Structures are given as structure tokens and as C-alpha cells.
């Protein structure tokens, strides 16, 4: 992808590629799940699929190719859905892109106690300081992690924040999909 830094690790490049792809679809999108496969292995073992994905260029040998999976069910809590996933050995990692509302740390003291999940979600949605954020989180079987965060109000490839520990709970849930 055009805005992906070449000096970044393969996992960072994959996360930014997914972020750019999902960004091109606009906001208010459902969660999207991706398998991450070793590009060189994909080229060698599945040349026709690699060709369909535009991966004929063999100059990049240390890359990861994201492959979007079937739609994430909207009626099931995300953690329950992730608990049903098992990946084949060819999948070296996975990634999830999801939109959420977020409050600044200064708003934590204002959160009313004892609200149901639905009432808390409504309270956050109505809060004047809420921010819409798209989180793309990826994990590898070997424990590697990377995340990209994009705020709706700063929707630009140059405003995407990356780092391995930005969304630790979601990274843990994705890592659990590789547990035996």
C-alpha cells in the first residue's frame, strides 16, 4: 500500500495496510477480521491465489499478507465470537479492525457507577468529549503485536498512531485464538 513505511516491521506494515484498506471503505463499518499469512509461503504454496491478490513481485520476501475473513457477526459480543475461532497452521497471525467510541482519561471520574452495559454505552455515546476511533490490532503466533489507531476527527494516514500496546485487551483476545 502506498502509505505504508518500508522501514517498518512486516507486522506494522500489515496493520497499516489493513488500516488503509478499511479507511478506504469509510466510517461506520462493521468489525473486520483478517488472517495473516507469510507472503513468500503463500506465493510458493498457492501461486494462483497469490496472483489473484497481486503478489507476483518476489522482491518482498519478509512480508505478511492480510486476507479478509467472512463477516464478523454483529449480534454476538466480540469476545464471544473470538472465542470460537481456530486458525489453521498456515495462518501466522490475525488482525481485527473495529470502530469504538472512546473518552479521554479526564472523563473517567465522571462515569456513573452501576450502569448496565447498554446504559453505559448510551452514556458514552452522549458524552460531549467522546471520540470515534478505529482500532486495528494484529497478533502473531509467536507473540508479536501491533496496533493502529485512527480518530475520525483526524482521519488522515499521517495521523495514525501505531504501537504494540495500544489496545492490550483486544490483543490478548486475538492471541487467545491461537491457544491450543
N, C-alpha and C. Protein backbone atom coordinates (compact mmCIF):
# COMPACT_ATOMS: atom_id res chain seq x y z
N UNK A 1 0.83 -1.19 0.00
CA UNK A 1 0.00 0.00 0.00
C UNK A 1 0.87 1.25 0.00
N UNK A 2 0.33 2.32 -0.46
CA UNK A 2 1.13 3.50 -0.72
C UNK A 2 1.63 4.23 0.51
N UNK A 3 0.88 4.23 1.59
CA UNK A 3 1.27 4.99 2.78
C UNK A 3 1.98 4.16 3.84
N UNK A 4 2.36 2.94 3.50
CA UNK A 4 2.98 2.06 4.46
C UNK A 4 4.49 2.26 4.44
N UNK A 5 5.09 2.62 5.59
CA UNK A 5 6.53 2.85 5.60
C UNK A 5 7.30 1.57 5.35
N UNK A 6 8.29 1.64 4.47
CA UNK A 6 9.06 0.45 4.11
C UNK A 6 9.99 0.01 5.24
N UNK A 7 10.38 0.93 6.12
CA UNK A 7 11.30 0.58 7.19
C UNK A 7 10.61 -0.15 8.34
N UNK A 8 9.29 -0.13 8.34
CA UNK A 8 8.55 -0.75 9.44
C UNK A 8 8.67 -2.28 9.37
N UNK A 9 8.38 -2.93 10.49
CA UNK A 9 8.40 -4.39 10.54
C UNK A 9 7.27 -4.93 9.66
N UNK A 10 7.37 -6.20 9.23
CA UNK A 10 6.28 -6.78 8.44
C UNK A 10 4.92 -6.68 9.14
N UNK A 11 4.90 -6.85 10.46
CA UNK A 11 3.63 -6.77 11.19
C UNK A 11 3.07 -5.35 11.17
N UNK A 12 3.94 -4.36 11.37
CA UNK A 12 3.49 -2.96 11.30
C UNK A 12 2.97 -2.63 9.91
N UNK A 13 3.69 -3.09 8.89
CA UNK A 13 3.23 -2.83 7.52
C UNK A 13 1.86 -3.47 7.28
N UNK A 14 1.65 -4.69 7.78
CA UNK A 14 0.36 -5.36 7.61
C UNK A 14 -0.76 -4.59 8.31
N UNK A 15 -0.50 -4.13 9.53
CA UNK A 15 -1.52 -3.36 10.27
C UNK A 15 -1.86 -2.07 9.54
N UNK A 16 -0.84 -1.39 9.03
CA UNK A 16 -1.10 -0.14 8.31
C UNK A 16 -1.79 -0.39 6.96
N UNK A 17 -1.48 -1.51 6.34
CA UNK A 17 -2.16 -1.87 5.09
C UNK A 17 -3.64 -2.12 5.36
N UNK A 18 -3.94 -2.84 6.44
CA UNK A 18 -5.34 -3.09 6.81
C UNK A 18 -6.03 -1.78 7.16
N UNK A 19 -5.37 -0.93 7.94
CA UNK A 19 -5.95 0.36 8.31
C UNK A 19 -6.28 1.18 7.06
N UNK A 20 -5.36 1.19 6.11
CA UNK A 20 -5.59 1.95 4.87
C UNK A 20 -6.76 1.36 4.07
N UNK A 21 -6.81 0.04 3.99
CA UNK A 21 -7.90 -0.62 3.28
C UNK A 21 -9.26 -0.29 3.92
N UNK A 22 -9.36 -0.46 5.24
CA UNK A 22 -10.62 -0.20 5.92
C UNK A 22 -10.97 1.28 5.85
N UNK A 23 -9.97 2.14 5.94
CA UNK A 23 -10.21 3.57 5.82
C UNK A 23 -10.85 3.92 4.48
N UNK A 24 -10.43 3.23 3.43
CA UNK A 24 -10.99 3.46 2.11
C UNK A 24 -12.46 3.10 2.00
N UNK A 25 -12.95 2.30 2.93
CA UNK A 25 -14.36 1.91 2.95
C UNK A 25 -15.23 2.93 3.67
N UNK A 26 -14.59 3.88 4.36
CA UNK A 26 -15.32 4.90 5.11
C UNK A 26 -15.58 4.47 6.54
N UNK A 27 -16.26 5.33 7.26
CA UNK A 27 -16.57 5.06 8.67
C UNK A 27 -17.90 4.32 8.78
N UNK A 28 -18.24 3.97 10.01
CA UNK A 28 -19.47 3.25 10.33
C UNK A 28 -19.49 1.87 9.67
N UNK A 29 -18.34 1.20 9.71
CA UNK A 29 -18.18 -0.13 9.15
C UNK A 29 -18.28 -1.18 10.25
N UNK A 30 -18.66 -2.39 9.89
CA UNK A 30 -18.65 -3.48 10.87
C UNK A 30 -17.20 -3.88 11.17
N UNK A 31 -17.03 -4.65 12.22
CA UNK A 31 -15.70 -5.19 12.54
C UNK A 31 -15.27 -6.09 11.38
N UNK A 32 -13.96 -6.10 11.13
CA UNK A 32 -13.41 -6.91 10.03
C UNK A 32 -12.24 -7.73 10.57
N UNK A 33 -12.26 -9.03 10.26
CA UNK A 33 -11.25 -9.97 10.74
C UNK A 33 -10.37 -10.39 9.57
N UNK A 34 -9.06 -10.49 9.82
CA UNK A 34 -8.10 -10.85 8.78
C UNK A 34 -7.18 -11.95 9.29
N UNK A 35 -6.90 -12.92 8.43
CA UNK A 35 -5.83 -13.88 8.67
C UNK A 35 -4.56 -13.24 8.11
N UNK A 36 -3.44 -13.48 8.77
CA UNK A 36 -2.15 -13.00 8.27
C UNK A 36 -1.34 -14.23 7.86
N UNK A 37 -0.90 -14.24 6.62
CA UNK A 37 -0.11 -15.36 6.12
C UNK A 37 1.24 -14.84 5.62
N UNK A 38 2.24 -15.71 5.68
CA UNK A 38 3.57 -15.39 5.18
C UNK A 38 3.49 -15.26 3.66
N UNK A 39 3.87 -14.10 3.14
CA UNK A 39 3.73 -13.82 1.71
C UNK A 39 4.55 -14.78 0.86
N UNK A 40 5.80 -15.03 1.22
CA UNK A 40 6.65 -15.93 0.43
C UNK A 40 6.07 -17.35 0.41
N UNK A 41 5.59 -17.80 1.55
CA UNK A 41 4.98 -19.14 1.63
C UNK A 41 3.71 -19.22 0.79
N UNK A 42 2.90 -18.15 0.84
CA UNK A 42 1.68 -18.10 0.04
C UNK A 42 2.03 -18.17 -1.45
N UNK A 43 3.05 -17.40 -1.87
CA UNK A 43 3.47 -17.41 -3.26
C UNK A 43 3.91 -18.81 -3.70
N UNK A 44 4.64 -19.49 -2.82
CA UNK A 44 5.16 -20.82 -3.16
C UNK A 44 4.08 -21.89 -3.14
N UNK A 45 3.18 -21.84 -2.17
CA UNK A 45 2.20 -22.92 -1.99
C UNK A 45 0.89 -22.69 -2.73
N UNK A 46 0.54 -21.43 -2.97
CA UNK A 46 -0.73 -21.09 -3.62
C UNK A 46 -0.49 -20.02 -4.69
N UNK A 47 0.25 -20.36 -5.76
CA UNK A 47 0.59 -19.33 -6.75
C UNK A 47 -0.62 -18.68 -7.42
N UNK A 48 -1.69 -19.42 -7.64
CA UNK A 48 -2.86 -18.80 -8.28
C UNK A 48 -3.54 -17.81 -7.34
N UNK A 49 -3.63 -18.15 -6.06
CA UNK A 49 -4.20 -17.21 -5.09
C UNK A 49 -3.29 -15.99 -4.96
N UNK A 50 -1.98 -16.21 -4.92
CA UNK A 50 -1.04 -15.09 -4.85
C UNK A 50 -1.21 -14.17 -6.04
N UNK A 51 -1.42 -14.74 -7.22
CA UNK A 51 -1.62 -13.93 -8.42
C UNK A 51 -2.92 -13.12 -8.31
N UNK A 52 -3.98 -13.75 -7.80
CA UNK A 52 -5.26 -13.04 -7.62
C UNK A 52 -5.11 -11.86 -6.67
N UNK A 53 -4.23 -12.03 -5.69
CA UNK A 53 -4.01 -10.97 -4.69
C UNK A 53 -2.96 -9.96 -5.14
N UNK A 54 -2.41 -10.15 -6.33
CA UNK A 54 -1.41 -9.21 -6.85
C UNK A 54 -0.06 -9.35 -6.18
N UNK A 55 0.31 -10.56 -5.81
CA UNK A 55 1.56 -10.79 -5.06
C UNK A 55 2.63 -11.46 -5.93
N UNK A 56 2.67 -11.14 -7.22
CA UNK A 56 3.64 -11.77 -8.11
C UNK A 56 5.06 -11.26 -7.85
N UNK A 57 5.21 -10.03 -7.33
CA UNK A 57 6.53 -9.44 -7.12
C UNK A 57 7.26 -10.19 -6.02
N UNK A 58 8.31 -10.91 -6.39
CA UNK A 58 9.04 -11.71 -5.42
C UNK A 58 10.14 -10.93 -4.71
N UNK A 59 10.24 -9.62 -4.95
CA UNK A 59 11.29 -8.84 -4.30
C UNK A 59 11.04 -8.69 -2.80
N UNK A 60 9.78 -8.73 -2.40
CA UNK A 60 9.47 -8.64 -0.98
C UNK A 60 9.32 -10.07 -0.43
N UNK A 61 10.28 -10.47 0.37
CA UNK A 61 10.27 -11.84 0.87
C UNK A 61 9.84 -11.93 2.33
N UNK A 62 9.95 -10.85 3.08
CA UNK A 62 9.66 -10.91 4.52
C UNK A 62 8.35 -10.20 4.84
N UNK A 63 7.31 -10.46 4.04
CA UNK A 63 6.06 -9.76 4.27
C UNK A 63 4.96 -10.66 4.80
N UNK A 64 3.91 -10.01 5.24
CA UNK A 64 2.70 -10.68 5.68
C UNK A 64 1.56 -10.21 4.78
N UNK A 65 0.73 -11.13 4.37
CA UNK A 65 -0.42 -10.79 3.54
C UNK A 65 -1.68 -10.94 4.36
N UNK A 66 -2.45 -9.84 4.52
CA UNK A 66 -3.73 -9.95 5.21
C UNK A 66 -4.80 -10.48 4.25
N UNK A 67 -5.58 -11.43 4.73
CA UNK A 67 -6.68 -12.00 3.94
C UNK A 67 -7.95 -11.84 4.76
N UNK A 68 -8.87 -11.02 4.25
CA UNK A 68 -10.10 -10.76 4.99
C UNK A 68 -10.94 -12.03 5.08
N UNK A 69 -11.49 -12.26 6.26
CA UNK A 69 -12.32 -13.43 6.54
C UNK A 69 -13.79 -13.08 6.37
N UNK A 70 -14.63 -14.07 6.57
CA UNK A 70 -16.07 -13.84 6.50
C UNK A 70 -16.47 -12.75 7.50
N UNK A 71 -17.61 -12.18 7.27
CA UNK A 71 -18.10 -11.09 8.10
C UNK A 71 -18.22 -11.50 9.57
N UNK A 72 -17.79 -10.60 10.44
CA UNK A 72 -17.92 -10.80 11.88
C UNK A 72 -19.40 -10.61 12.23
N UNK A 73 -20.02 -11.57 12.92
CA UNK A 73 -21.44 -11.43 13.25
C UNK A 73 -21.69 -10.23 14.16
N UNK A 74 -22.68 -9.43 13.81
CA UNK A 74 -22.95 -8.21 14.58
C UNK A 74 -23.78 -8.47 15.83
N UNK A 75 -24.52 -9.56 15.87
CA UNK A 75 -25.39 -9.81 17.01
C UNK A 75 -24.73 -10.52 18.17
N UNK A 76 -23.46 -10.85 18.04
CA UNK A 76 -22.75 -11.61 19.07
C UNK A 76 -21.64 -10.74 19.64
N UNK A 77 -21.48 -10.72 20.97
CA UNK A 77 -20.37 -9.95 21.55
C UNK A 77 -19.04 -10.38 20.95
N UNK A 78 -18.17 -9.41 20.68
CA UNK A 78 -16.90 -9.67 20.01
C UNK A 78 -16.06 -10.70 20.74
N UNK A 79 -16.00 -10.62 22.07
CA UNK A 79 -15.18 -11.58 22.82
C UNK A 79 -15.72 -13.00 22.68
N UNK A 80 -17.04 -13.16 22.63
CA UNK A 80 -17.62 -14.49 22.42
C UNK A 80 -17.29 -15.02 21.03
N UNK A 81 -17.40 -14.14 20.03
CA UNK A 81 -17.08 -14.55 18.66
C UNK A 81 -15.61 -14.98 18.56
N UNK A 82 -14.71 -14.18 19.11
CA UNK A 82 -13.28 -14.51 19.03
C UNK A 82 -12.99 -15.84 19.72
N UNK A 83 -13.75 -16.18 20.75
CA UNK A 83 -13.56 -17.44 21.45
C UNK A 83 -13.93 -18.66 20.61
N UNK A 84 -14.58 -18.45 19.47
CA UNK A 84 -14.96 -19.57 18.61
C UNK A 84 -13.98 -19.81 17.47
N UNK A 85 -12.95 -19.00 17.37
CA UNK A 85 -12.04 -19.06 16.22
C UNK A 85 -10.87 -20.00 16.49
N UNK A 86 -10.55 -20.80 15.48
CA UNK A 86 -9.33 -21.62 15.49
C UNK A 86 -8.70 -21.45 14.11
N UNK A 87 -7.40 -21.21 14.07
CA UNK A 87 -6.72 -20.94 12.81
C UNK A 87 -5.94 -22.17 12.34
N UNK A 88 -5.89 -22.39 11.02
CA UNK A 88 -5.03 -23.46 10.50
C UNK A 88 -3.56 -23.06 10.64
N UNK A 89 -2.67 -24.04 10.54
CA UNK A 89 -1.25 -23.80 10.72
C UNK A 89 -0.67 -22.78 9.74
N UNK A 90 -1.23 -22.66 8.55
CA UNK A 90 -0.71 -21.72 7.55
C UNK A 90 -0.90 -20.26 7.96
N UNK A 91 -1.78 -20.02 8.90
CA UNK A 91 -2.04 -18.66 9.36
C UNK A 91 -1.04 -18.33 10.48
N UNK A 92 -0.18 -17.33 10.23
CA UNK A 92 0.86 -16.98 11.20
C UNK A 92 0.41 -15.89 12.17
N UNK A 93 -0.71 -15.25 11.87
CA UNK A 93 -1.23 -14.20 12.73
C UNK A 93 -2.63 -13.82 12.31
N UNK A 94 -3.22 -12.90 13.05
CA UNK A 94 -4.55 -12.42 12.69
C UNK A 94 -4.66 -10.96 13.10
N UNK A 95 -5.65 -10.30 12.53
CA UNK A 95 -5.87 -8.89 12.84
C UNK A 95 -7.37 -8.61 12.83
N UNK A 96 -7.75 -7.62 13.60
CA UNK A 96 -9.15 -7.20 13.67
C UNK A 96 -9.18 -5.68 13.59
N UNK A 97 -10.09 -5.17 12.79
CA UNK A 97 -10.31 -3.73 12.72
C UNK A 97 -11.74 -3.49 13.21
N UNK A 98 -11.86 -2.59 14.18
CA UNK A 98 -13.16 -2.34 14.80
C UNK A 98 -13.26 -0.87 15.19
N UNK A 99 -14.45 -0.32 15.09
CA UNK A 99 -14.70 1.07 15.49
C UNK A 99 -15.35 1.10 16.86
N UNK A 100 -14.93 2.06 17.65
CA UNK A 100 -15.50 2.21 19.00
C UNK A 100 -15.56 3.69 19.36
N UNK A 101 -16.33 3.99 20.40
CA UNK A 101 -16.33 5.32 20.99
C UNK A 101 -15.36 5.30 22.16
N UNK A 102 -14.66 6.39 22.34
CA UNK A 102 -13.63 6.46 23.37
C UNK A 102 -13.78 7.81 24.08
N UNK A 103 -13.48 7.78 25.37
CA UNK A 103 -13.48 9.01 26.16
C UNK A 103 -12.06 9.33 26.59
N UNK A 104 -11.74 10.60 26.77
CA UNK A 104 -10.41 10.94 27.27
C UNK A 104 -10.28 10.52 28.73
N UNK A 105 -9.04 10.31 29.20
CA UNK A 105 -8.84 9.90 30.60
C UNK A 105 -9.50 10.87 31.60
N UNK A 106 -9.60 12.14 31.23
CA UNK A 106 -10.21 13.12 32.14
C UNK A 106 -11.69 12.83 32.41
N UNK A 107 -12.33 12.06 31.56
CA UNK A 107 -13.76 11.76 31.73
C UNK A 107 -14.00 10.55 32.63
N UNK A 108 -12.94 9.81 32.99
CA UNK A 108 -13.12 8.60 33.80
C UNK A 108 -13.82 8.87 35.12
N UNK A 109 -13.51 9.98 35.75
CA UNK A 109 -14.10 10.30 37.05
C UNK A 109 -15.59 10.61 36.94
N UNK A 110 -16.06 10.93 35.73
CA UNK A 110 -17.46 11.28 35.53
C UNK A 110 -18.36 10.08 35.28
N UNK A 111 -17.78 8.90 35.04
CA UNK A 111 -18.57 7.73 34.68
C UNK A 111 -19.46 7.33 35.86
N UNK A 112 -20.79 7.31 35.64
CA UNK A 112 -21.69 6.90 36.71
C UNK A 112 -21.48 5.42 37.08
N UNK A 113 -21.58 5.13 38.33
CA UNK A 113 -21.40 3.76 38.80
C UNK A 113 -22.69 2.97 38.65
N UNK A 114 -22.56 1.66 38.46
CA UNK A 114 -23.71 0.77 38.47
C UNK A 114 -24.55 0.76 37.22
N UNK A 115 -24.06 1.31 36.12
CA UNK A 115 -24.85 1.29 34.88
C UNK A 115 -24.73 -0.07 34.20
N UNK A 116 -25.81 -0.49 33.56
CA UNK A 116 -25.75 -1.70 32.75
C UNK A 116 -24.86 -1.40 31.55
N UNK A 117 -24.46 -2.44 30.84
CA UNK A 117 -23.61 -2.25 29.66
C UNK A 117 -24.30 -1.36 28.63
N UNK A 118 -25.59 -1.57 28.42
CA UNK A 118 -26.33 -0.78 27.43
C UNK A 118 -26.42 0.69 27.86
N UNK A 119 -26.68 0.92 29.15
CA UNK A 119 -26.79 2.31 29.63
C UNK A 119 -25.43 3.00 29.62
N UNK A 120 -24.36 2.26 29.92
CA UNK A 120 -23.02 2.83 29.86
C UNK A 120 -22.67 3.21 28.43
N UNK A 121 -23.01 2.34 27.46
CA UNK A 121 -22.75 2.63 26.05
C UNK A 121 -23.50 3.89 25.62
N UNK A 122 -24.74 4.05 26.08
CA UNK A 122 -25.51 5.25 25.74
C UNK A 122 -24.90 6.48 26.39
N UNK A 123 -24.45 6.35 27.64
CA UNK A 123 -23.83 7.47 28.33
C UNK A 123 -22.57 7.92 27.59
N UNK A 124 -21.75 6.97 27.17
CA UNK A 124 -20.54 7.31 26.41
C UNK A 124 -20.91 7.96 25.08
N UNK A 125 -21.90 7.40 24.37
CA UNK A 125 -22.32 7.94 23.07
C UNK A 125 -22.83 9.37 23.18
N UNK A 126 -23.43 9.71 24.32
CA UNK A 126 -23.98 11.05 24.53
C UNK A 126 -22.96 12.02 25.13
N UNK A 127 -21.80 11.54 25.55
CA UNK A 127 -20.81 12.38 26.21
C UNK A 127 -20.22 13.39 25.22
N UNK A 128 -20.13 14.67 25.61
CA UNK A 128 -19.63 15.69 24.67
C UNK A 128 -18.15 15.52 24.29
N UNK A 129 -17.37 14.80 25.08
CA UNK A 129 -15.95 14.63 24.77
C UNK A 129 -15.63 13.30 24.08
N UNK A 130 -16.67 12.56 23.69
CA UNK A 130 -16.42 11.26 23.05
C UNK A 130 -15.69 11.45 21.73
N UNK A 131 -14.91 10.43 21.39
CA UNK A 131 -14.19 10.40 20.11
C UNK A 131 -14.49 9.07 19.44
N UNK A 132 -14.68 9.10 18.15
CA UNK A 132 -14.81 7.85 17.40
C UNK A 132 -13.42 7.44 16.97
N UNK A 133 -13.11 6.16 17.17
CA UNK A 133 -11.78 5.65 16.86
C UNK A 133 -11.91 4.32 16.13
N UNK A 134 -11.02 4.12 15.15
CA UNK A 134 -10.91 2.81 14.51
C UNK A 134 -9.62 2.19 15.02
N UNK A 135 -9.75 0.99 15.57
CA UNK A 135 -8.59 0.27 16.10
C UNK A 135 -8.34 -0.92 15.20
N UNK A 136 -7.11 -1.05 14.75
CA UNK A 136 -6.69 -2.24 14.01
C UNK A 136 -5.59 -2.88 14.84
N UNK A 137 -5.84 -4.09 15.29
CA UNK A 137 -4.92 -4.79 16.18
C UNK A 137 -4.54 -6.12 15.53
N UNK A 138 -3.24 -6.42 15.54
CA UNK A 138 -2.76 -7.67 14.96
C UNK A 138 -1.85 -8.38 15.95
N UNK A 139 -1.90 -9.70 15.91
CA UNK A 139 -1.01 -10.53 16.74
C UNK A 139 -0.46 -11.65 15.86
N UNK A 140 0.72 -12.12 16.24
CA UNK A 140 1.33 -13.26 15.58
C UNK A 140 1.34 -14.44 16.53
N UNK A 141 1.41 -15.63 15.98
CA UNK A 141 1.51 -16.84 16.80
C UNK A 141 2.68 -16.77 17.77
N UNK A 142 3.77 -16.15 17.33
CA UNK A 142 4.98 -16.10 18.16
C UNK A 142 4.92 -15.01 19.23
N UNK A 143 3.78 -14.30 19.34
CA UNK A 143 3.62 -13.31 20.39
C UNK A 143 3.76 -11.87 19.93
N UNK A 144 4.21 -11.64 18.71
CA UNK A 144 4.32 -10.27 18.20
C UNK A 144 2.97 -9.58 18.18
N UNK A 145 2.99 -8.27 18.42
CA UNK A 145 1.75 -7.48 18.45
C UNK A 145 1.98 -6.13 17.82
N UNK A 146 0.93 -5.59 17.22
CA UNK A 146 0.97 -4.24 16.68
C UNK A 146 -0.45 -3.71 16.61
N UNK A 147 -0.59 -2.40 16.73
CA UNK A 147 -1.89 -1.75 16.68
C UNK A 147 -1.78 -0.45 15.90
N UNK A 148 -2.89 -0.05 15.32
CA UNK A 148 -3.01 1.25 14.67
C UNK A 148 -4.32 1.87 15.13
N UNK A 149 -4.28 3.13 15.55
CA UNK A 149 -5.48 3.85 15.98
C UNK A 149 -5.67 5.07 15.08
N UNK A 150 -6.89 5.25 14.62
CA UNK A 150 -7.23 6.38 13.76
C UNK A 150 -8.47 7.05 14.34
N UNK A 151 -8.37 8.32 14.68
CA UNK A 151 -9.52 9.09 15.16
C UNK A 151 -10.32 9.59 13.97
N UNK A 152 -11.62 9.55 14.09
CA UNK A 152 -12.47 10.04 13.00
C UNK A 152 -12.24 11.51 12.73
N UNK A 153 -12.03 12.28 13.79
CA UNK A 153 -11.85 13.72 13.59
C UNK A 153 -10.48 14.08 12.99
N UNK A 154 -9.55 13.12 13.01
CA UNK A 154 -8.23 13.32 12.39
C UNK A 154 -8.00 12.20 11.39
N UNK A 155 -8.94 12.03 10.48
CA UNK A 155 -8.92 10.89 9.55
C UNK A 155 -7.94 11.14 8.41
N UNK A 156 -6.68 10.84 8.69
CA UNK A 156 -5.61 11.03 7.72
C UNK A 156 -4.55 9.97 7.95
N UNK A 157 -3.94 9.43 6.89
CA UNK A 157 -2.88 8.42 7.07
C UNK A 157 -1.70 8.95 7.90
N UNK A 158 -1.49 10.25 7.91
CA UNK A 158 -0.38 10.80 8.69
C UNK A 158 -0.73 10.97 10.16
N UNK A 159 -1.98 10.75 10.53
CA UNK A 159 -2.43 10.91 11.91
C UNK A 159 -2.71 9.56 12.60
N UNK A 160 -2.26 8.47 12.00
CA UNK A 160 -2.49 7.14 12.57
C UNK A 160 -1.40 6.85 13.60
N UNK A 161 -1.82 6.52 14.80
CA UNK A 161 -0.90 6.18 15.89
C UNK A 161 -0.67 4.68 15.87
N UNK A 162 0.60 4.26 15.96
CA UNK A 162 0.91 2.83 15.98
C UNK A 162 1.72 2.49 17.23
N UNK A 163 1.62 1.24 17.63
CA UNK A 163 2.39 0.74 18.76
C UNK A 163 1.88 -0.62 19.18
N UNK A 164 2.72 -1.42 19.83
CA UNK A 164 2.32 -2.78 20.18
C UNK A 164 1.34 -2.88 21.35
N UNK A 165 1.25 -1.86 22.19
CA UNK A 165 0.46 -1.98 23.42
C UNK A 165 -0.69 -0.97 23.51
N UNK A 166 -1.20 -0.52 22.38
CA UNK A 166 -2.26 0.50 22.40
C UNK A 166 -3.62 -0.05 22.81
N UNK A 167 -3.88 -1.31 22.49
CA UNK A 167 -5.17 -1.93 22.80
C UNK A 167 -4.89 -3.33 23.37
N UNK A 168 -4.35 -3.39 24.59
CA UNK A 168 -3.89 -4.67 25.12
C UNK A 168 -4.98 -5.72 25.29
N UNK A 169 -6.18 -5.32 25.67
CA UNK A 169 -7.26 -6.30 25.85
C UNK A 169 -7.65 -6.98 24.55
N UNK A 170 -7.74 -6.20 23.49
CA UNK A 170 -8.08 -6.79 22.20
C UNK A 170 -6.94 -7.66 21.69
N UNK A 171 -5.70 -7.24 21.92
CA UNK A 171 -4.55 -8.05 21.52
C UNK A 171 -4.56 -9.40 22.25
N UNK A 172 -4.90 -9.38 23.53
CA UNK A 172 -4.98 -10.63 24.31
C UNK A 172 -6.08 -11.54 23.75
N UNK A 173 -7.22 -10.97 23.42
CA UNK A 173 -8.33 -11.76 22.88
C UNK A 173 -7.94 -12.38 21.53
N UNK A 174 -7.23 -11.62 20.69
CA UNK A 174 -6.78 -12.17 19.41
C UNK A 174 -5.73 -13.25 19.62
N UNK A 175 -4.80 -13.02 20.54
CA UNK A 175 -3.76 -14.02 20.82
C UNK A 175 -4.40 -15.33 21.31
N UNK A 176 -5.49 -15.24 22.03
CA UNK A 176 -6.16 -16.44 22.54
C UNK A 176 -6.72 -17.30 21.42
N UNK A 177 -6.92 -16.72 20.22
CA UNK A 177 -7.42 -17.52 19.11
C UNK A 177 -6.37 -18.51 18.61
N UNK A 178 -5.11 -18.35 19.06
CA UNK A 178 -4.04 -19.28 18.68
C UNK A 178 -3.71 -20.27 19.79
N UNK A 179 -4.37 -20.15 20.93
CA UNK A 179 -4.11 -21.07 22.05
C UNK A 179 -4.61 -22.47 21.70
N UNK A 180 -3.87 -23.44 22.14
CA UNK A 180 -4.26 -24.85 21.87
C UNK A 180 -5.40 -25.30 22.72
